[in-house]
Amino acid sequence: TDTHCYSRRLVSPWCGLLQIARMSDAVGLSLDGQYWEIQVSADYPSNLWGTSGARGTRVFFRFGNWSPRRGLTKVRLNPILNNCEMIPAARRLVSRLEEMHSRVPFPQHDRCELWLLDHGSRYPLALLATAVEEHLLQVPNAPRWQAVAGIATDARDSGIAEGALEEAFRSAAGDPAEARWFLRDAPGQGMGVEIAPGSGATARRLSAAEFPELPWHERWQDRTQGRLALAYSQQRAAQLLALQHLPSTRRHRLELAARKTPLQVERLWRLYPKILNRSILISTRVEARMRLAGD
């Protein structure tokens, strides 16, 4: 059975690269390349109170988790589902993961990018979403970039600084904010994608230099905003190193910044497509193991 293995970015808020191993009837999802959530498709129950799904509709249900060390751990399945069909599908996927998981990171296939635009220049400001298939693209009515899933109210939490950074992006985007999909090519150029054909809008092509290197803009005229953006990037350096199209100078700076979060590096290093300074990675992983041993 064919297995399609690829990765895509989880953005706004930034959560890193999701590794995906997909079959026709099962899919494995992982944020670190080691621990996988297994989902299996089954007929949607159409005989339940309050359900309106048409008979024959296929839906993916969580089947369990798999890792090389622990194997497959199943969750308790609803008895109305066709377990006799789901179990073999899960086993087929696990068999492929046993072969494929060591090949992470998988190629990054989300070439479609939805960018929040700067109100003045109309250049890309922050990445709001990505997609693998062009026919699924949609533009939100009120586009807004998020630094975190929820802003903390505790003054000791970094959420206050991240809230200030979100406000800076909202201000730069203006009201109403505008977002646009771009199809990126291998050199990094982007061609604007028209969601509504016949709208009269002109397709816009941007060079690679007109897109931020990271999923958000860092060059601010206001020094405070610039420091917030830099600090945000440094805090997420361990996740950002999984990006597959970073310039070497940027990757080097992220490797240095990631030393401050050794536990994240230990969890994610398998996803790094390139390592410029292996001595930094080794020392950071050693520190992570020492911390874990001391817990």
Protein backbone atom coordinates (compact mmCIF):
# COMPACT_ATOMS: atom_id res chain seq x y z
CA THR A 1 0.00 0.00 0.00
CA ASP A 2 1.36 3.43 -0.95
CA THR A 3 2.31 5.72 1.91
CA HIS A 4 2.67 9.46 1.30
CA CYS A 5 5.22 10.91 3.75
CA TYR A 6 5.63 14.68 4.01
CA SER A 7 5.71 17.54 6.50
CA ARG A 8 3.89 20.84 6.89
CA ARG A 9 4.25 23.84 9.15
CA LEU A 10 1.86 24.61 12.01
CA VAL A 11 1.65 28.38 12.24
CA SER A 12 -0.19 31.21 14.02
CA PRO A 13 0.70 30.24 16.69
CA TRP A 14 3.97 28.64 15.64
CA CYS A 15 4.12 24.97 16.71
CA GLY A 16 6.88 23.63 14.46
CA LEU A 17 6.74 21.07 11.64
CA LEU A 18 4.17 18.28 11.62
CA GLN A 19 5.42 14.99 10.15
CA ILE A 20 2.70 13.13 8.26
CA ALA A 21 2.57 9.53 7.02
CA ARG A 22 -0.66 9.09 5.07
CA MET A 23 -2.37 6.05 3.61
CA SER A 24 -5.83 5.94 2.06
CA ASP A 25 -7.37 4.62 5.29
CA ALA A 26 -4.91 5.69 8.02
CA VAL A 27 -2.62 8.58 8.91
CA GLY A 28 0.21 9.05 11.40
CA LEU A 29 1.00 12.50 12.83
CA SER A 30 4.10 13.51 14.81
CA LEU A 31 5.64 16.76 16.06
CA ASP A 32 8.99 15.20 16.94
CA GLY A 33 9.38 12.20 14.63
CA GLN A 34 9.30 9.73 17.53
CA TYR A 35 5.79 9.79 19.03
CA TRP A 36 2.99 9.34 16.51
CA GLU A 37 -0.75 9.73 16.81
CA ILE A 38 -2.49 7.08 14.72
CA GLN A 39 -5.80 7.95 13.08
CA VAL A 40 -7.88 5.47 11.09
CA SER A 41 -10.88 6.13 8.86
CA ALA A 42 -14.25 4.49 9.41
CA ASP A 43 -17.83 4.97 8.30
CA TYR A 44 -19.42 7.82 10.23
CA PRO A 45 -22.27 6.41 12.37
CA SER A 46 -25.53 7.62 10.84
CA ASN A 47 -27.89 5.98 13.30
CA LEU A 48 -27.09 8.12 16.34
CA TRP A 49 -29.33 10.75 17.87
CA GLY A 50 -28.42 14.21 16.65
CA THR A 51 -26.26 13.02 13.76
CA SER A 52 -26.90 14.06 10.19
CA GLY A 53 -23.91 12.48 8.42
CA ALA A 54 -24.82 10.74 5.20
CA ARG A 55 -24.41 6.98 5.09
CA GLY A 56 -21.02 6.09 3.63
CA THR A 57 -19.25 9.20 4.92
CA ARG A 58 -15.69 8.33 5.97
CA VAL A 59 -14.19 10.09 9.01
CA PHE A 60 -10.79 9.71 10.65
CA PHE A 61 -10.89 8.65 14.31
CA ARG A 62 -8.00 8.54 16.75
CA PHE A 63 -6.94 4.90 17.07
CA GLY A 64 -3.92 5.20 19.38
CA ASN A 65 -0.27 6.17 19.64
CA TRP A 66 2.90 4.57 18.35
CA SER A 67 6.61 5.04 19.09
CA PRO A 68 9.68 2.91 18.27
CA ARG A 69 10.27 2.25 21.97
CA ARG A 70 6.75 1.55 23.18
CA GLY A 71 5.09 0.19 20.07
CA LEU A 72 1.37 0.68 19.49
CA THR A 73 -0.88 1.76 22.34
CA LYS A 74 -4.56 1.74 21.43
CA VAL A 75 -7.24 3.99 22.86
CA ARG A 76 -10.63 2.59 23.78
CA LEU A 77 -12.66 2.47 20.58
CA ASN A 78 -16.37 3.05 20.33
CA PRO A 79 -18.01 -0.39 19.83
CA ILE A 80 -20.29 0.98 17.10
CA LEU A 81 -17.26 1.54 14.84
CA ASN A 82 -16.04 -1.15 12.49
CA ASN A 83 -13.05 -2.29 14.54
CA CYS A 84 -12.47 -5.29 12.29
CA GLU A 85 -11.67 -2.86 9.49
CA MET A 86 -9.79 -0.27 11.58
CA ILE A 87 -7.34 -2.64 13.29
CA PRO A 88 -5.77 -4.00 10.06
CA ALA A 89 -5.50 -0.44 8.69
CA ALA A 90 -3.66 0.70 11.83
CA ARG A 91 -1.32 -2.28 11.66
CA ARG A 92 -0.48 -1.55 8.02
CA LEU A 93 0.41 2.03 8.90
CA VAL A 94 2.49 1.02 11.92
CA SER A 95 4.38 -1.45 9.73
CA ARG A 96 5.27 1.40 7.37
CA LEU A 97 6.20 3.72 10.24
CA GLU A 98 8.62 1.10 11.52
CA GLU A 99 10.39 1.45 8.17
CA MET A 100 9.94 5.19 7.58
CA HIS A 101 10.23 6.97 10.95
CA SER A 102 14.04 7.02 10.81
CA ARG A 103 13.83 9.02 7.55
CA VAL A 104 12.42 12.15 9.18
CA PRO A 105 12.33 14.97 8.46
CA PHE A 106 10.00 14.24 5.58
CA PRO A 107 10.00 16.70 2.64
CA GLN A 108 8.09 19.90 3.30
CA HIS A 109 5.12 20.03 0.90
CA ASP A 110 3.09 23.04 2.10
CA ARG A 111 4.08 25.41 -0.71
CA CYS A 112 0.86 27.42 -0.39
CA GLU A 113 1.30 30.19 2.18
CA LEU A 114 -1.25 32.65 3.55
CA TRP A 115 0.51 35.87 4.59
CA LEU A 116 -0.79 38.81 6.59
CA LEU A 117 0.22 41.92 4.64
CA ASP A 118 1.74 45.14 5.92
CA HIS A 119 -0.81 47.95 5.53
CA GLY A 120 1.69 50.41 4.04
CA SER A 121 3.97 48.33 1.82
CA ARG A 122 1.59 45.38 1.28
CA TYR A 123 4.58 43.07 1.69
CA PRO A 124 4.29 39.84 3.71
CA LEU A 125 4.27 40.50 7.43
CA ALA A 126 3.41 37.22 9.19
CA LEU A 127 2.50 33.70 8.07
CA LEU A 128 -1.09 32.83 8.99
CA ALA A 129 -1.52 29.38 7.45
CA THR A 130 -0.05 26.91 4.97
CA ALA A 131 -1.62 24.30 2.71
CA VAL A 132 -0.52 21.41 0.56
CA GLU A 133 -3.41 21.46 -1.93
CA GLU A 134 -4.20 24.66 -3.81
CA HIS A 135 -7.91 23.89 -4.28
CA LEU A 136 -8.50 24.02 -0.49
CA LEU A 137 -7.39 27.64 -0.01
CA GLN A 138 -9.61 30.08 1.86
CA VAL A 139 -9.00 33.59 3.21
CA PRO A 140 -10.35 34.44 6.70
CA ASN A 141 -12.68 37.41 7.04
CA ALA A 142 -10.62 39.00 9.82
CA PRO A 143 -7.01 37.79 9.44
CA ARG A 144 -4.95 38.02 12.61
CA TRP A 145 -1.54 36.63 13.56
CA GLN A 146 -1.18 34.85 16.90
CA ALA A 147 2.04 34.44 18.89
CA VAL A 148 0.53 31.99 21.37
CA ALA A 149 -2.68 29.99 21.60
CA GLY A 150 -3.87 32.05 24.57
CA ILE A 151 -2.44 35.07 26.32
CA ALA A 152 -1.56 34.42 29.97
CA THR A 153 -2.74 36.92 32.59
CA ASP A 154 0.08 36.20 35.05
CA ALA A 155 2.59 39.08 34.92
CA ARG A 156 5.44 36.61 35.41
CA ASP A 157 4.55 34.80 32.19
CA SER A 158 6.06 35.75 28.82
CA GLY A 159 2.52 35.95 27.44
CA ILE A 160 2.43 39.69 28.20
CA ALA A 161 5.43 40.32 25.90
CA GLU A 162 3.90 38.07 23.26
CA GLY A 163 0.63 39.98 23.58
CA ALA A 164 2.53 43.21 22.89
CA LEU A 165 4.10 41.59 19.82
CA GLU A 166 0.69 40.50 18.54
CA GLU A 167 -0.53 44.08 18.98
CA ALA A 168 2.45 45.34 16.94
CA PHE A 169 1.49 43.03 14.07
CA ARG A 170 -2.17 44.06 14.29
CA SER A 171 -1.15 47.72 14.10
CA ALA A 172 1.16 47.13 11.13
CA ALA A 173 -1.57 45.21 9.28
CA GLY A 174 -4.08 48.02 9.73
CA ASP A 175 -7.86 47.85 9.84
CA PRO A 176 -9.23 46.12 7.89
CA ALA A 177 -6.30 43.71 7.69
CA GLU A 178 -5.49 42.04 4.37
CA ALA A 179 -4.13 38.53 3.79
CA ARG A 180 -3.09 36.86 0.56
CA TRP A 181 -2.14 33.35 -0.53
CA PHE A 182 1.17 32.86 -2.35
CA LEU A 183 2.48 29.77 -4.12
CA ARG A 184 6.19 29.51 -3.32
CA ASP A 185 8.64 27.89 -5.72
CA ALA A 186 12.02 26.27 -5.04
CA PRO A 187 14.06 29.53 -5.21
CA GLY A 188 11.65 31.10 -2.71
CA GLN A 189 9.74 33.39 -5.05
CA GLY A 190 5.99 33.67 -4.52
CA MET A 191 3.13 34.06 -6.97
CA GLY A 192 -0.13 35.43 -5.63
CA VAL A 193 -3.02 32.96 -5.85
CA GLU A 194 -6.44 34.34 -6.76
CA ILE A 195 -9.10 32.60 -4.66
CA ALA A 196 -11.98 34.15 -6.60
CA PRO A 197 -11.37 33.88 -10.38
CA GLY A 198 -12.69 36.83 -12.35
CA SER A 199 -12.33 39.24 -9.44
CA GLY A 200 -10.14 41.52 -11.55
CA ALA A 201 -7.25 41.44 -9.09
CA THR A 202 -3.79 41.22 -10.64
CA ALA A 203 -1.64 38.22 -9.72
CA ARG A 204 1.34 39.50 -7.78
CA ARG A 205 4.81 37.94 -7.88
CA LEU A 206 7.28 38.64 -5.09
CA SER A 207 10.96 37.80 -4.92
CA ALA A 208 12.37 35.60 -2.14
CA ALA A 209 13.93 38.69 -0.52
CA GLU A 210 10.47 40.25 -0.10
CA PHE A 211 9.36 37.41 2.20
CA PRO A 212 10.62 37.19 5.80
CA GLU A 213 13.17 34.44 6.43
CA LEU A 214 11.10 33.24 9.39
CA PRO A 215 7.30 32.87 9.54
CA TRP A 216 7.13 36.46 10.87
CA HIS A 217 8.71 39.83 10.15
CA GLU A 218 11.58 40.85 12.46
CA ARG A 219 12.74 44.23 11.10
CA TRP A 220 10.89 46.93 12.97
CA GLN A 221 11.69 50.64 13.02
CA ASP A 222 10.51 50.76 16.62
CA ARG A 223 13.32 49.34 18.78
CA THR A 224 10.97 47.91 21.40
CA GLN A 225 9.01 46.02 18.77
CA GLY A 226 12.25 44.83 17.20
CA ARG A 227 13.47 43.46 20.55
CA LEU A 228 10.15 41.67 21.09
CA ALA A 229 10.33 40.02 17.66
CA LEU A 230 13.95 38.98 18.19
CA ALA A 231 13.19 37.53 21.64
CA TYR A 232 10.22 35.63 20.24
CA SER A 233 12.40 34.09 17.52
CA GLN A 234 15.09 33.13 20.01
CA GLN A 235 12.59 31.47 22.35
CA ARG A 236 11.38 29.30 19.47
CA ALA A 237 14.79 28.61 17.96
CA ALA A 238 14.65 24.86 18.67
CA GLN A 239 11.42 24.57 16.65
CA LEU A 240 12.53 26.96 13.90
CA LEU A 241 15.62 24.86 13.18
CA ALA A 242 13.27 22.27 11.65
CA LEU A 243 12.50 24.65 8.78
CA GLN A 244 13.94 23.26 5.57
CA HIS A 245 14.77 26.43 3.62
CA LEU A 246 16.75 28.60 6.03
CA PRO A 247 19.85 30.56 4.94
CA SER A 248 23.02 29.34 6.65
CA THR A 249 23.53 32.62 8.51
CA ARG A 250 20.04 32.37 10.00
CA ARG A 251 20.48 28.70 10.89
CA HIS A 252 23.75 29.50 12.68
CA ARG A 253 22.07 32.18 14.82
CA LEU A 254 19.22 29.82 15.67
CA GLU A 255 21.64 27.05 16.68
CA LEU A 256 23.28 29.47 19.12
CA ALA A 257 19.92 30.63 20.50
CA ALA A 258 18.61 27.05 20.87
CA ARG A 259 21.26 26.32 23.50
CA LYS A 260 18.97 28.09 25.99
CA THR A 261 16.25 25.46 25.49
CA PRO A 262 18.14 22.13 25.64
CA LEU A 263 15.06 20.02 26.45
CA GLN A 264 13.35 21.21 23.28
CA VAL A 265 16.46 20.51 21.24
CA GLU A 266 16.67 16.97 22.66
CA ARG A 267 13.06 16.36 21.63
CA LEU A 268 13.30 17.90 18.14
CA TRP A 269 16.85 17.46 16.82
CA ARG A 270 15.84 14.53 14.59
CA LEU A 271 13.77 16.96 12.50
CA TYR A 272 16.67 19.29 11.70
CA PRO A 273 17.43 19.00 7.95
CA LYS A 274 20.91 20.46 8.43
CA ILE A 275 23.25 20.98 11.37
CA LEU A 276 26.03 23.53 10.91
CA ASN A 277 27.81 23.16 14.25
CA ARG A 278 27.55 19.62 15.60
CA SER A 279 29.55 20.45 18.71
CA ILE A 280 26.81 22.89 19.78
CA LEU A 281 24.14 20.23 19.20
CA ILE A 282 26.11 17.61 21.15
CA SER A 283 26.76 19.88 24.13
CA THR A 284 23.11 21.03 24.17
CA ARG A 285 21.88 17.43 24.14
CA VAL A 286 24.31 16.51 26.91
CA GLU A 287 22.90 19.31 29.06
CA ALA A 288 19.36 18.12 28.32
CA ARG A 289 20.18 14.57 29.42
CA MET A 290 21.79 15.85 32.61
CA ARG A 291 18.65 17.83 33.42
CA LEU A 292 16.42 14.84 32.69
CA ALA A 293 18.60 12.61 34.87
CA GLY A 294 18.33 15.09 37.73
CA ASP A 295 14.53 15.19 37.68
